């Protein structure tokens, strides 16, 4: 009898209820498709060019230098040289004094920073406003914390003169945004520059969000991982620098995006101690600690950039120049084949309208899957070009309103972009012949 009872299968549900309905992940599916079929991958947002020499050399020095303690634990909330230089850097950017030990925390990439924010600040039943389209982890992370996501879309206003649309043409409706704030609202998530659109929110738009946050006593989780990747002389404005916002804002940054080293997984949060103390509690009870050597190398990268701040040889000046050229090249190439790109003001990404190519991909009546998702799967399998459907960045309620767009990543080697262009050219010729 004892033997049988040991063999008996568990009948009670094993899954925690908070995971209900959030088990699917677009990246798992599309990364697998890209690995299987793609000749050219403009899907996932990572550079296929090397990180800068000064950074990889700093890593090598840290690895093989005389300080064997860099192979051991460092301070749980951030390696002292890194939090110190981040505090110095953000003092410059925000125009206020920062304490490296209480106003900065290092995380395993910006992803863990976001997770800490939602777990530490969002309670059961709290509402969190998310601006659509949004980086796809915001919604499940809010739900895992017991919160309720409330969505407000950026609405496109196409230019009348037949010009290409810009990400600036996607805007919030002020009345619609204001209507989403209530006494249940705990926080709003702001992502500027925005992934996937590449929109850089203007001072006026940020002022509107700030005013509502102050009026309703709401926190702002500000995801600024693309802060240095802004084009056409545009300026990235930090919402924490606006009146009344420092005290209620957590800023999230990423060495992966800042130094083109996404695999290092070094991120950070900057904000007031009254908020960060709760993030530290989540951090110490989840990952506890981030890789010491990567933090040491990133600290040296920032020390270099602090000395070169604003100078032409600064990586933060050079990288956006290079990426702007790549963006323009991809814009031209997509426009040339009739796929209408929306010109991004920032980030690694641009979204393009696939309407002219829809005739190639058969419609499936009564399908639950949004059209752009089917299109992207068909494109990778039949053309070898990987991209991500825009509907993946929308809530269930709104994803069927935006199914004529896909997102491309242009933070790639020139050869990669050229290969993508060749696929599109050939495809266009097949269509017209």
Protein backbone atom coordinates (compact mmCIF):
# COMPACT_ATOMS: atom_id res chain seq x y z
CA UNK A 1 0.00 0.00 0.00
CA UNK A 2 2.79 2.38 0.92
CA UNK A 3 4.54 1.71 -2.39
CA UNK A 4 1.36 2.50 -4.35
CA UNK A 5 0.74 5.73 -2.51
CA UNK A 6 4.29 6.86 -3.30
CA UNK A 7 3.63 6.20 -6.99
CA UNK A 8 0.35 8.12 -7.02
CA UNK A 9 0.39 11.22 -9.20
CA UNK A 10 -0.31 14.60 -7.63
CA UNK A 11 -3.87 15.60 -8.37
CA UNK A 12 -3.81 19.13 -6.93
CA UNK A 13 -2.86 21.94 -9.38
CA UNK A 14 0.85 22.67 -9.19
CA UNK A 15 0.89 26.03 -10.97
CA UNK A 16 0.65 29.20 -8.87
CA UNK A 17 -2.53 31.04 -9.81
CA UNK A 18 -0.66 34.25 -10.61
CA UNK A 19 0.86 32.50 -13.66
CA UNK A 20 -2.58 31.86 -15.13
CA UNK A 21 -2.78 33.10 -18.73
CA UNK A 22 0.72 34.57 -18.92
CA UNK A 23 2.62 31.45 -19.97
CA UNK A 24 2.88 32.33 -23.66
CA UNK A 25 5.83 34.46 -24.75
CA UNK A 26 6.25 35.87 -28.24
CA UNK A 27 10.06 35.79 -28.03
CA UNK A 28 10.27 32.08 -27.28
CA UNK A 29 8.20 31.33 -30.39
CA UNK A 30 9.78 33.83 -32.80
CA UNK A 31 13.37 33.25 -31.67
CA UNK A 32 12.86 29.54 -32.38
CA UNK A 33 11.34 30.29 -35.82
CA UNK A 34 14.21 32.64 -36.65
CA UNK A 35 16.80 30.05 -35.60
CA UNK A 36 15.10 27.41 -37.75
CA UNK A 37 14.28 29.32 -40.94
CA UNK A 38 15.84 32.76 -41.15
CA UNK A 39 18.68 33.71 -43.46
CA UNK A 40 18.45 37.25 -42.05
CA UNK A 41 17.20 38.01 -38.54
CA UNK A 42 15.85 41.54 -38.02
CA UNK A 43 13.53 40.25 -35.29
CA UNK A 44 15.02 40.29 -31.81
CA UNK A 45 16.57 43.57 -30.61
CA UNK A 46 20.26 42.93 -30.26
CA UNK A 47 23.22 44.23 -32.28
CA UNK A 48 25.15 41.72 -34.38
CA UNK A 49 28.16 44.11 -34.43
CA UNK A 50 30.78 44.00 -31.65
CA UNK A 51 30.61 45.96 -28.41
CA UNK A 52 33.16 48.83 -28.33
CA UNK A 53 36.83 47.86 -27.85
CA UNK A 54 37.24 49.94 -24.68
CA UNK A 55 34.47 47.92 -23.03
CA UNK A 56 35.66 44.44 -24.01
CA UNK A 57 39.21 45.45 -22.98
CA UNK A 58 37.86 46.54 -19.59
CA UNK A 59 36.22 43.12 -19.24
CA UNK A 60 39.49 41.36 -20.15
CA UNK A 61 41.43 43.47 -17.65
CA UNK A 62 38.90 42.69 -14.93
CA UNK A 63 39.05 39.00 -15.77
CA UNK A 64 42.81 38.56 -15.95
CA UNK A 65 44.04 41.49 -13.83
CA UNK A 66 45.55 41.22 -10.38
CA UNK A 67 42.32 41.67 -8.42
CA UNK A 68 41.16 38.11 -7.72
CA UNK A 69 38.31 39.48 -5.58
CA UNK A 70 36.47 40.42 -8.79
CA UNK A 71 35.64 36.70 -9.05
CA UNK A 72 33.73 36.86 -5.76
CA UNK A 73 30.54 38.49 -4.53
CA UNK A 74 30.45 42.26 -4.53
CA UNK A 75 27.90 44.50 -2.77
CA UNK A 76 24.41 43.03 -3.34
CA UNK A 77 22.79 46.27 -4.55
CA UNK A 78 25.59 47.18 -6.96
CA UNK A 79 29.37 47.02 -7.27
CA UNK A 80 30.66 50.18 -5.51
CA UNK A 81 32.65 51.56 -8.52
CA UNK A 82 29.57 51.14 -10.76
CA UNK A 83 26.99 52.76 -8.45
CA UNK A 84 29.43 55.62 -7.81
CA UNK A 85 29.96 56.43 -11.48
CA UNK A 86 26.25 55.99 -12.29
CA UNK A 87 25.42 58.46 -9.50
CA UNK A 88 27.95 60.96 -10.93
CA UNK A 89 26.56 60.51 -14.43
CA UNK A 90 22.92 60.90 -13.44
CA UNK A 91 23.71 63.92 -11.24
CA UNK A 92 24.80 65.60 -14.49
CA UNK A 93 21.71 64.42 -16.40
CA UNK A 94 19.14 65.21 -13.70
CA UNK A 95 20.79 68.26 -12.15
CA UNK A 96 20.52 66.95 -8.57
CA UNK A 97 22.79 65.33 -5.97
CA UNK A 98 22.58 61.54 -5.75
CA UNK A 99 23.79 59.12 -3.12
CA UNK A 100 25.30 56.08 -4.91
CA UNK A 101 24.31 53.78 -2.03
CA UNK A 102 20.64 54.76 -1.78
CA UNK A 103 19.68 56.34 -5.14
CA UNK A 104 21.14 53.68 -7.47
CA UNK A 105 20.66 49.90 -7.58
CA UNK A 106 22.22 47.47 -10.09
CA UNK A 107 20.04 44.68 -11.52
CA UNK A 108 20.35 41.70 -13.86
CA UNK A 109 19.54 43.76 -16.95
CA UNK A 110 16.67 46.25 -17.21
CA UNK A 111 14.32 43.24 -17.24
CA UNK A 112 14.99 42.44 -13.57
CA UNK A 113 14.76 46.14 -12.77
CA UNK A 114 11.21 46.14 -14.15
CA UNK A 115 10.36 42.98 -12.22
CA UNK A 116 11.61 44.56 -8.97
CA UNK A 117 9.51 47.69 -9.63
CA UNK A 118 6.25 45.81 -10.13
CA UNK A 119 6.84 43.37 -7.26
CA UNK A 120 7.89 46.12 -4.84
CA UNK A 121 5.39 48.84 -5.71
CA UNK A 122 2.22 47.16 -7.05
CA UNK A 123 -0.29 45.56 -4.72
CA UNK A 124 -3.24 43.23 -5.25
CA UNK A 125 -5.96 45.23 -7.05
CA UNK A 126 -3.76 48.24 -7.93
CA UNK A 127 -4.17 49.58 -11.47
CA UNK A 128 -1.12 50.26 -13.63
CA UNK A 129 -1.48 52.35 -16.79
CA UNK A 130 0.44 51.00 -19.79
CA UNK A 131 0.81 53.00 -23.00
CA UNK A 132 0.32 50.89 -26.15
CA UNK A 133 2.23 49.64 -28.06
CA UNK A 134 4.35 48.47 -25.11
CA UNK A 135 7.35 46.25 -24.47
CA UNK A 136 5.58 42.94 -23.98
CA UNK A 137 6.78 42.01 -20.45
CA UNK A 138 4.97 44.94 -18.76
CA UNK A 139 1.56 43.27 -18.84
CA UNK A 140 2.50 39.83 -17.40
CA UNK A 141 4.76 41.44 -14.78
CA UNK A 142 1.91 43.68 -13.58
CA UNK A 143 -0.40 40.66 -13.41
CA UNK A 144 2.17 38.56 -11.51
CA UNK A 145 2.30 41.30 -8.89
CA UNK A 146 -1.51 41.08 -8.54
CA UNK A 147 -2.08 44.38 -10.35
CA UNK A 148 -4.55 45.20 -13.13
CA UNK A 149 -3.09 46.64 -16.35
CA UNK A 150 -5.08 49.54 -17.85
CA UNK A 151 -4.19 50.31 -21.47
CA UNK A 152 -4.14 53.59 -23.34
CA UNK A 153 -3.06 53.60 -27.00
CA UNK A 154 -0.87 55.99 -28.96
CA UNK A 155 -3.03 56.84 -31.97
CA UNK A 156 -1.53 57.37 -35.42
CA UNK A 157 -2.23 60.67 -37.25
CA UNK A 158 -0.82 60.11 -40.75
CA UNK A 159 0.62 63.22 -42.45
CA UNK A 160 -1.68 64.60 -45.17
CA UNK A 161 1.05 65.31 -47.76
CA UNK A 162 1.80 61.67 -48.59
CA UNK A 163 5.10 61.85 -46.67
CA UNK A 164 6.25 58.82 -44.68
CA UNK A 165 4.83 58.69 -41.18
CA UNK A 166 7.14 59.37 -38.24
CA UNK A 167 6.92 57.85 -34.77
CA UNK A 168 6.08 61.42 -33.60
CA UNK A 169 2.77 61.07 -35.52
CA UNK A 170 1.63 58.49 -32.94
CA UNK A 171 0.19 60.45 -30.03
CA UNK A 172 -1.76 60.14 -26.81
CA UNK A 173 -5.24 61.64 -26.69
CA UNK A 174 -5.01 63.88 -23.56
CA UNK A 175 -8.66 63.32 -22.56
CA UNK A 176 -8.40 59.56 -23.05
CA UNK A 177 -5.20 59.44 -20.98
CA UNK A 178 -6.75 61.52 -18.18
CA UNK A 179 -9.80 59.21 -18.11
CA UNK A 180 -7.57 56.21 -17.21
CA UNK A 181 -6.41 57.76 -13.90
CA UNK A 182 -8.51 56.98 -10.83
CA UNK A 183 -8.03 56.41 -7.09
CA UNK A 184 -7.07 52.81 -7.94
CA UNK A 185 -4.17 53.91 -10.16
CA UNK A 186 -0.84 53.13 -8.48
CA UNK A 187 1.59 53.70 -11.36
CA UNK A 188 2.05 54.49 -15.03
CA UNK A 189 4.73 52.82 -17.13
CA UNK A 190 6.49 55.21 -19.50
CA UNK A 191 8.86 53.90 -22.17
CA UNK A 192 10.67 56.68 -23.99
CA UNK A 193 12.28 56.18 -26.46
CA UNK A 194 9.52 53.64 -27.05
CA UNK A 195 10.02 50.06 -28.19
CA UNK A 196 8.55 49.10 -30.71
CA UNK A 197 7.66 52.45 -32.36
CA UNK A 198 10.85 54.39 -31.72
CA UNK A 199 8.77 57.31 -30.43
CA UNK A 200 10.61 59.87 -28.29
CA UNK A 201 8.05 61.60 -26.08
CA UNK A 202 8.17 65.40 -26.33
CA UNK A 203 8.41 67.78 -23.38
CA UNK A 204 4.71 68.62 -23.85
CA UNK A 205 3.65 64.96 -23.76
CA UNK A 206 5.81 64.26 -20.69
CA UNK A 207 4.41 67.39 -19.01
CA UNK A 208 0.88 66.05 -19.50
CA UNK A 209 1.83 62.67 -17.94
CA UNK A 210 3.68 64.40 -15.07
CA UNK A 211 0.71 66.66 -14.33
CA UNK A 212 -1.63 63.65 -14.08
CA UNK A 213 0.84 61.75 -11.88
CA UNK A 214 1.10 64.67 -9.46
CA UNK A 215 -2.66 65.32 -9.46
CA UNK A 216 -3.55 61.67 -8.73
CA UNK A 217 -0.47 60.89 -6.59
CA UNK A 218 0.70 58.17 -8.98
CA UNK A 219 4.17 56.61 -9.40
CA UNK A 220 6.00 56.59 -12.74
CA UNK A 221 8.09 53.59 -13.82
CA UNK A 222 10.23 55.15 -16.54
CA UNK A 223 11.90 52.62 -18.86
CA UNK A 224 14.69 54.63 -20.53
CA UNK A 225 16.94 51.85 -21.85
CA UNK A 226 17.31 53.57 -25.26
CA UNK A 227 18.15 56.97 -23.71
CA UNK A 228 21.29 57.47 -25.85
CA UNK A 229 19.75 56.21 -29.10
CA UNK A 230 17.93 59.31 -30.30
CA UNK A 231 18.15 60.65 -33.87
CA UNK A 232 17.75 63.78 -36.02
CA UNK A 233 18.95 66.08 -33.24
CA UNK A 234 15.98 65.10 -31.04
CA UNK A 235 16.47 65.27 -27.29
CA UNK A 236 15.65 62.58 -24.74
CA UNK A 237 13.95 64.34 -21.82
CA UNK A 238 13.91 62.52 -18.49
CA UNK A 239 10.51 62.74 -16.83
CA UNK A 240 12.17 62.64 -13.37
CA UNK A 241 13.65 66.08 -14.15
CA UNK A 242 10.16 67.64 -14.47
CA UNK A 243 8.58 69.41 -11.54
CA UNK A 244 7.15 67.13 -8.85
CA UNK A 245 8.42 63.95 -10.56
CA UNK A 246 11.73 62.99 -8.91
CA UNK A 247 9.99 61.80 -5.75
CA UNK A 248 7.60 59.51 -7.62
CA UNK A 249 9.78 58.17 -10.47
CA UNK A 250 11.98 55.12 -10.86
CA UNK A 251 14.33 55.41 -13.87
CA UNK A 252 15.43 52.17 -15.52
CA UNK A 253 18.58 51.88 -17.65
CA UNK A 254 20.58 49.19 -19.42
CA UNK A 255 24.26 48.66 -20.18
CA UNK A 256 23.13 46.20 -22.84
CA UNK A 257 21.53 48.97 -24.92
CA UNK A 258 23.95 51.70 -23.81
CA UNK A 259 27.15 49.81 -24.73
CA UNK A 260 25.79 47.30 -27.32
CA UNK A 261 26.41 44.33 -25.00
CA UNK A 262 22.95 42.87 -24.39
CA UNK A 263 24.30 39.51 -23.19
CA UNK A 264 26.06 41.06 -20.19
CA UNK A 265 22.71 41.68 -18.49
CA UNK A 266 23.71 44.71 -16.42
CA UNK A 267 20.87 47.14 -15.71
CA UNK A 268 20.10 49.71 -13.05
CA UNK A 269 17.44 51.76 -11.35
CA UNK A 270 17.88 55.36 -10.27
CA UNK A 271 15.39 57.05 -7.97
CA UNK A 272 14.57 58.32 -4.49
CA UNK A 273 15.50 56.10 -1.55
CA UNK A 274 11.86 55.97 -0.39
CA UNK A 275 11.07 53.94 -3.53
CA UNK A 276 14.38 52.12 -3.99
CA UNK A 277 14.38 50.70 -0.45
CA UNK A 278 11.41 48.50 -1.47
CA UNK A 279 13.11 47.45 -4.72
CA UNK A 280 16.14 46.42 -2.67
CA UNK A 281 13.91 44.10 -0.61
CA UNK A 282 12.71 42.30 -3.77
CA UNK A 283 16.24 42.22 -5.19
CA UNK A 284 17.81 40.71 -2.07
CA UNK A 285 15.13 38.01 -1.99
CA UNK A 286 15.31 37.07 -5.67
CA UNK A 287 18.67 37.36 -7.44
CA UNK A 288 20.51 38.92 -4.48
CA UNK A 289 23.51 39.86 -6.58
CA UNK A 290 24.69 40.53 -10.17
CA UNK A 291 27.89 39.35 -11.92
CA UNK A 292 30.85 41.27 -10.44
CA UNK A 293 33.15 41.29 -13.48
CA UNK A 294 30.48 42.61 -15.85
CA UNK A 295 29.71 45.42 -13.36
CA UNK A 296 33.42 46.29 -13.07
CA UNK A 297 33.76 46.53 -16.88
CA UNK A 298 30.57 48.63 -17.22
CA UNK A 299 31.88 50.94 -14.45
CA UNK A 300 35.05 51.52 -16.49
CA UNK A 301 32.97 52.14 -19.62
CA UNK A 302 31.01 54.84 -17.78
CA UNK A 303 34.18 56.39 -16.36
CA UNK A 304 35.47 56.80 -19.91
CA UNK A 305 32.15 58.29 -21.06
CA UNK A 306 32.05 60.68 -18.12
CA UNK A 307 35.42 62.10 -19.21
CA UNK A 308 34.33 62.36 -22.85
CA UNK A 309 30.79 63.58 -22.10
CA UNK A 310 29.38 65.52 -25.07
CA UNK A 311 32.64 65.22 -27.07
CA UNK A 312 32.66 63.81 -30.62
CA UNK A 313 34.71 60.75 -29.58
CA UNK A 314 32.17 59.74 -26.89
CA UNK A 315 30.52 56.39 -27.67
CA UNK A 316 27.18 57.96 -26.68
CA UNK A 317 27.68 60.47 -29.50
CA UNK A 318 29.08 58.04 -32.07
CA UNK A 319 26.61 55.15 -31.69
CA UNK A 320 23.42 57.15 -32.50
CA UNK A 321 25.16 58.65 -35.56
CA UNK A 322 25.98 55.17 -36.86
CA UNK A 323 22.53 53.82 -36.07
CA UNK A 324 20.82 56.81 -37.70
CA UNK A 325 22.59 55.95 -40.96
CA UNK A 326 21.47 52.33 -40.65
CA UNK A 327 17.92 53.44 -39.89
CA UNK A 328 17.90 55.67 -42.99
CA UNK A 329 19.24 52.86 -45.12
CA UNK A 330 16.54 50.43 -43.96
CA UNK A 331 13.84 53.12 -44.35
CA UNK A 332 14.93 53.66 -47.96
CA UNK A 333 15.13 49.98 -48.66
CA UNK A 334 11.63 49.25 -47.24
CA UNK A 335 10.12 52.30 -48.92
CA UNK A 336 11.72 51.24 -52.22
CA UNK A 337 9.85 47.93 -52.23
CA UNK A 338 6.54 49.48 -51.10
CA UNK A 339 6.56 48.43 -47.43
CA UNK A 340 5.83 51.76 -45.77
CA UNK A 341 8.19 52.40 -42.81
CA UNK A 342 7.31 54.66 -39.85
CA UNK A 343 10.50 56.67 -39.28
CA UNK A 344 11.60 56.19 -35.66
CA UNK A 345 13.02 59.09 -33.62
CA UNK A 346 14.97 56.68 -31.40
CA UNK A 347 15.76 53.03 -30.41
CA UNK A 348 16.91 50.05 -32.51
CA UNK A 349 13.55 49.54 -34.17
CA UNK A 350 11.28 50.65 -36.93
CA UNK A 351 7.75 49.56 -37.66
CA UNK A 352 6.61 49.12 -41.27
CA UNK A 353 3.17 48.87 -42.87
CA UNK A 354 2.88 45.53 -44.69
CA UNK A 355 -0.43 46.26 -46.49
CA UNK A 356 1.10 46.22 -50.02
CA UNK A 357 2.47 42.69 -49.40
CA UNK A 358 -0.69 41.20 -47.95
CA UNK A 359 -1.75 39.65 -51.25
CA UNK A 360 1.13 37.15 -50.86
CA UNK A 361 -0.04 35.79 -47.54
CA UNK A 362 -3.42 34.10 -47.63
CA UNK A 363 -6.00 35.21 -45.10
CA UNK A 364 -7.38 32.53 -42.78
CA UNK A 365 -11.05 33.27 -42.03
CA UNK A 366 -12.11 33.03 -38.36
CA UNK A 367 -8.51 32.68 -37.17
CA UNK A 368 -7.73 33.79 -33.61
CA UNK A 369 -4.21 34.71 -34.64
CA UNK A 370 -3.69 38.35 -35.69
CA UNK A 371 -2.85 38.81 -39.38
CA UNK A 372 0.60 40.36 -38.79
CA UNK A 373 1.62 37.34 -36.72
CA UNK A 374 0.67 34.97 -39.56
CA UNK A 375 2.44 37.29 -42.01
CA UNK A 376 5.67 37.32 -39.96
CA UNK A 377 5.64 33.50 -39.67
CA UNK A 378 5.00 33.12 -43.40
CA UNK A 379 7.78 35.61 -44.19
CA UNK A 380 10.41 33.83 -42.11
CA UNK A 381 9.46 30.40 -43.48
CA UNK A 382 9.09 31.42 -47.14
CA UNK A 383 11.48 34.36 -47.51
CA UNK A 384 14.01 33.71 -44.75
CA UNK A 385 13.52 37.18 -43.23
CA UNK A 386 12.64 37.39 -39.52
CA UNK A 387 10.70 40.30 -37.99
CA UNK A 388 8.21 40.67 -35.11
CA UNK A 389 4.46 41.36 -35.50
CA UNK A 390 3.34 44.68 -33.97
CA UNK A 391 0.23 43.05 -32.42
CA UNK A 392 2.62 41.32 -29.96
CA UNK A 393 3.03 44.75 -28.32
CA UNK A 394 -0.71 45.24 -27.71
CA UNK A 395 -3.21 43.98 -25.15
CA UNK A 396 -5.73 41.29 -26.11
CA UNK A 397 -8.42 43.98 -26.40
CA UNK A 398 -6.53 46.10 -28.95
CA UNK A 399 -4.22 43.72 -30.82
CA UNK A 400 -6.61 43.25 -33.74
CA UNK A 401 -6.63 47.02 -34.47
CA UNK A 402 -2.96 47.08 -35.47
CA UNK A 403 -2.36 44.00 -37.60
CA UNK A 404 -0.87 45.64 -40.71
CA UNK A 405 2.53 46.36 -39.16
CA UNK A 406 5.72 44.47 -38.33
CA UNK A 407 8.79 45.56 -36.39
CA UNK A 408 12.33 45.38 -37.77
CA UNK A 409 15.57 45.85 -35.82
CA UNK A 410 18.24 47.92 -37.64
CA UNK A 411 21.01 47.64 -35.00
CA UNK A 412 22.82 45.27 -37.34
CA UNK A 413 25.97 44.99 -39.44
CA UNK A 414 25.70 46.63 -42.88
CA UNK A 415 26.01 43.18 -44.47
CA UNK A 416 22.94 41.99 -42.51
CA UNK A 417 20.86 44.98 -43.63
CA UNK A 418 22.06 44.53 -47.23
CA UNK A 419 21.02 40.85 -47.15
CA UNK A 420 17.57 41.88 -45.86
CA UNK A 421 17.28 44.45 -48.63
CA UNK A 422 18.19 41.82 -51.24
CA UNK A 423 15.44 39.51 -49.98
CA UNK A 424 12.89 42.36 -50.19
CA UNK A 425 14.04 43.41 -53.69
CA UNK A 426 13.77 39.87 -54.99
CA UNK A 427 10.34 39.51 -53.40
CA UNK A 428 9.16 42.72 -55.05
CA UNK A 429 10.42 41.55 -58.45
CA UNK A 430 8.56 38.25 -58.05
CA UNK A 431 5.39 40.21 -57.27
CA UNK A 432 5.64 42.41 -60.36
CA UNK A 433 6.83 39.79 -62.86
